[in-house]
Amino acid sequence: MKLKRIGSVAALAIMFAAFLWAFDGVVLTPWVLDLGLTDVPTFVFMLHAVASVFLVYFFVKRRSELKNLNRKDWGAFFLTGLFGGAIGTMAIIAAIIMVYSENLNISVVLLLQKLQPIFAILLAFAMLKERPKKKFYGWVVIALIGSYFLTFGLEQPNLDAGGMLVPAMLAILAAFSFGSSTVFSKKAITKVSHGLGTALRFFMTTGIMLIVIIVISILNGADFETGYDGFQGFSVISWSIIGVFIIIALTTGGTAIFIYYWGLKRVLASRATIFEMVFPVSAVLLEFIVHDQVLSAAQWMGAVIVVGAIWSILRLKREELQSN
């Protein structure tokens, strides 16, 4: 009975973490935008810098584990920070800014972000020689078909700047980046604790984003049109914005990751996949409740196809791991 109760709590933990991630995309990110921070590099820097302050504890407590890392491990952490932190987060934040400013449906880009397992498996095949089953490719095609309907419905694709095409491409770039991050961190994370690994990932991204902002500032000073503010982006930072980033760090950021992994260790991986489906469901419901945005019938069909295909791909991967 006790084990069953622990399993139930673990399932709720995974579902709650998935809900928090959806809440971040639909509620907290737009909240920061409403407060005036719309420069993407500044947004991503603040997101990771504030969280890094809280992660210093794990770095100090587990710093002895750093001796376990070699040059390749540090390279893996750098690539994780570059793709999973800098590029992926900038892409999804830029996508949310575009759809929010045009009063489009944020849940569409969040659902497209769920394509990341496809890229993780393909990169694992390319870099780690982990050959997927033949059924995988069929589900990839189905997922891409569903992505089209989710993005455009039955309407003719809108190629204008105010349409869904560019945000959808950015969401897919984010999915690729987050999927890449999974592969890059696979080797290095085994040598350190989860707390130190998370801290290093956030520290790396903070440093990378600082370099990006410096480069943008230099280019802006040389009369290049970068489209971003550089250090000028910090001029809009207020205590209210810092407060929201602290809330993100303590809820939908690092806290959500820790809740998720606590639950993942206590339930079967195949069941965890089902519990994670709370993310897309929550994104759609929150978008309706908060922003009064509803998917069209064709977009609903696309969403169901995408979620079903990704679920099937993950189940194939779990079965493959269990059989090895």
Foldseek 3Di string as FASTA:
>chain_A
DVLVVLLVLLLVLLLQLLLLQLCCQQPLLVVLVVLPQLFLLVVLLLLLVLLLVVLVVVCVVFVVLVVLDDPLLLVLLLLLLVQLRALLSSLLSNLSSLCVVLVHASLLLVLLLLCLQLLLQVVCCVPVVPDADPVLVVLVVLLVVLNVCLQQNPHDDDPDSSGRVSSSVSSNSSSNSNSVSCNSNVPNPVSGDPSNSVSSSSVSNSVVSLVVLVVVVVCVVVVHPPVGDRVVSCVSDDVVSSVSSNVCSCTNNPVSVVSNVVSPVSDQPLVSLVSSVSNSVSNQVSSCVPSVHHGDPSSVVSSVSNSVSSNVSSVSVSVVVVVD
